[in-house]
Protein backbone atom coordinates (compact mmCIF):
# COMPACT_ATOMS: atom_id res chain seq x y z
CA UNK A 1 1.83 3.54 99.29
CA UNK A 2 -0.27 0.74 97.82
CA UNK A 3 0.09 -0.14 94.16
CA UNK A 4 -2.56 -1.84 92.06
CA UNK A 5 -1.67 -5.29 90.73
CA UNK A 6 -3.26 -7.98 88.63
CA UNK A 7 -2.23 -11.61 88.93
CA UNK A 8 -3.29 -14.52 86.77
CA UNK A 9 -2.49 -18.03 87.91
CA UNK A 10 -3.20 -21.42 86.37
CA UNK A 11 -4.12 -24.35 88.58
CA UNK A 12 -3.58 -27.96 87.61
CA UNK A 13 -6.63 -29.54 85.90
CA UNK A 14 -6.74 -32.63 88.16
CA UNK A 15 -8.27 -30.63 91.03
CA UNK A 16 -11.87 -31.03 92.11
CA UNK A 17 -14.09 -27.95 92.19
CA UNK A 18 -13.72 -27.71 95.98
CA UNK A 19 -9.91 -28.01 95.81
CA UNK A 20 -9.75 -25.29 93.17
CA UNK A 21 -11.88 -22.92 95.24
CA UNK A 22 -9.77 -23.68 98.32
CA UNK A 23 -6.59 -22.79 96.41
CA UNK A 24 -8.08 -19.48 95.22
CA UNK A 25 -9.23 -18.67 98.77
CA UNK A 26 -5.72 -19.42 100.04
CA UNK A 27 -4.19 -16.78 97.77
CA UNK A 28 -6.93 -14.26 98.54
CA UNK A 29 -6.27 -14.78 102.25
CA UNK A 30 -2.53 -14.24 101.74
CA UNK A 31 -3.28 -10.89 100.07
CA UNK A 32 -5.63 -9.81 102.85
CA UNK A 33 -3.35 -10.96 105.70
CA UNK A 34 -0.48 -8.89 104.31
CA UNK A 35 -2.42 -5.63 104.28
CA UNK A 36 -3.70 -5.90 100.73
CA UNK A 37 -7.15 -5.19 99.39
CA UNK A 38 -8.87 -7.37 96.78
CA UNK A 39 -10.57 -5.24 94.13
CA UNK A 40 -11.81 -7.89 91.71
CA UNK A 41 -11.61 -11.60 91.03
CA UNK A 42 -12.55 -13.71 88.05
CA UNK A 43 -12.61 -17.43 87.51
CA UNK A 44 -12.04 -18.04 83.82
CA UNK A 45 -12.58 -21.79 84.17
CA UNK A 46 -10.86 -24.68 82.45
CA UNK A 47 -8.97 -23.56 79.33
CA UNK A 48 -6.63 -25.21 76.87
CA UNK A 49 -3.00 -24.20 77.33
CA UNK A 50 -1.01 -22.81 74.39
CA UNK A 51 1.61 -25.50 75.02
CA UNK A 52 1.89 -28.43 77.44
CA UNK A 53 3.15 -27.59 80.95
CA UNK A 54 4.22 -30.52 83.13
CA UNK A 55 2.54 -32.84 80.58
CA UNK A 56 -0.80 -31.06 81.09
CA UNK A 57 -2.71 -29.46 78.20
CA UNK A 58 -5.44 -27.68 80.21
CA UNK A 59 -5.65 -25.67 83.41
CA UNK A 60 -8.01 -23.62 85.61
CA UNK A 61 -7.36 -19.90 85.02
CA UNK A 62 -7.98 -17.37 87.80
CA UNK A 63 -7.48 -13.61 87.93
CA UNK A 64 -7.09 -11.51 91.07
CA UNK A 65 -6.88 -7.73 91.01
CA UNK A 66 -5.63 -6.23 94.25
CA UNK A 67 -3.89 -3.32 95.94
CA UNK A 68 -0.82 -4.09 98.04
CA UNK A 69 2.56 -2.87 99.16
CA UNK A 70 5.26 -3.35 96.48
CA UNK A 71 7.28 -5.68 98.73
CA UNK A 72 4.31 -8.05 99.01
CA UNK A 73 4.46 -9.27 95.40
CA UNK A 74 7.62 -11.26 96.12
CA UNK A 75 5.88 -13.03 99.05
CA UNK A 76 2.88 -13.87 96.89
CA UNK A 77 5.04 -15.31 94.13
CA UNK A 78 7.00 -17.42 96.64
CA UNK A 79 3.65 -18.88 97.76
CA UNK A 80 2.73 -19.62 94.12
CA UNK A 81 6.03 -21.47 93.64
CA UNK A 82 5.56 -23.50 96.83
CA UNK A 83 2.04 -24.64 95.96
CA UNK A 84 2.14 -27.70 93.70
CA UNK A 85 -1.37 -26.93 92.43
CA UNK A 86 -0.11 -23.80 90.59
CA UNK A 87 1.49 -24.59 87.25
CA UNK A 88 1.98 -20.98 86.02
CA UNK A 89 1.44 -17.44 87.28
CA UNK A 90 2.01 -13.87 86.20
CA UNK A 91 1.74 -10.76 88.37
CA UNK A 92 2.10 -7.24 87.05
CA UNK A 93 1.63 -3.72 88.30
CA UNK A 94 -1.16 -1.70 86.68
CA UNK A 95 -0.37 1.86 85.69
CA UNK A 96 -3.14 4.46 85.80
CA UNK A 97 -4.27 3.70 82.24
CA UNK A 98 -4.45 -0.05 82.83
CA UNK A 99 -6.37 0.56 86.07
CA UNK A 100 -8.88 2.75 84.18
CA UNK A 101 -9.27 0.09 81.48
CA UNK A 102 -9.78 -2.58 84.13
CA UNK A 103 -12.49 -0.49 85.77
CA UNK A 104 -14.27 -0.05 82.41
CA UNK A 105 -14.04 -3.79 81.71
CA UNK A 106 -15.58 -4.60 85.12
CA UNK A 107 -18.44 -2.17 84.46
CA UNK A 108 -19.14 -3.67 81.03
CA UNK A 109 -19.14 -7.20 82.49
CA UNK A 110 -21.51 -6.10 85.27
CA UNK A 111 -23.87 -4.58 82.69
CA UNK A 112 -23.84 -7.81 80.65
CA UNK A 113 -24.77 -9.82 83.75
CA UNK A 114 -27.67 -7.46 84.49
CA UNK A 115 -28.99 -7.84 80.94
CA UNK A 116 -28.79 -11.65 81.15
CA UNK A 117 -30.66 -11.68 84.47
CA UNK A 118 -33.50 -9.55 83.07
């Protein structure tokens, strides 16, 4: 039984663009190698933190939405803790209502992109 999860992680702001993308790819690969399925990903970019973390006031925010076995979340979070580029993370299970809302949000964002392109 695969559950649907959403994880947001913040990467340290001293990374180059290539290093940031490499870190995101690393976590996507971990999900896929452990039998998960990536449903959606978003790069929110460099944002100001609500409070300083490790003397840093900004960070690169990333969101991954995926389906995975419940025991996998612990493995993913261990990998977050071991990677010095990650300064914060939060993973939570989506119930059916949150999954429906997420689907609506993705559709609205896709429609906005289509309008901008035209």
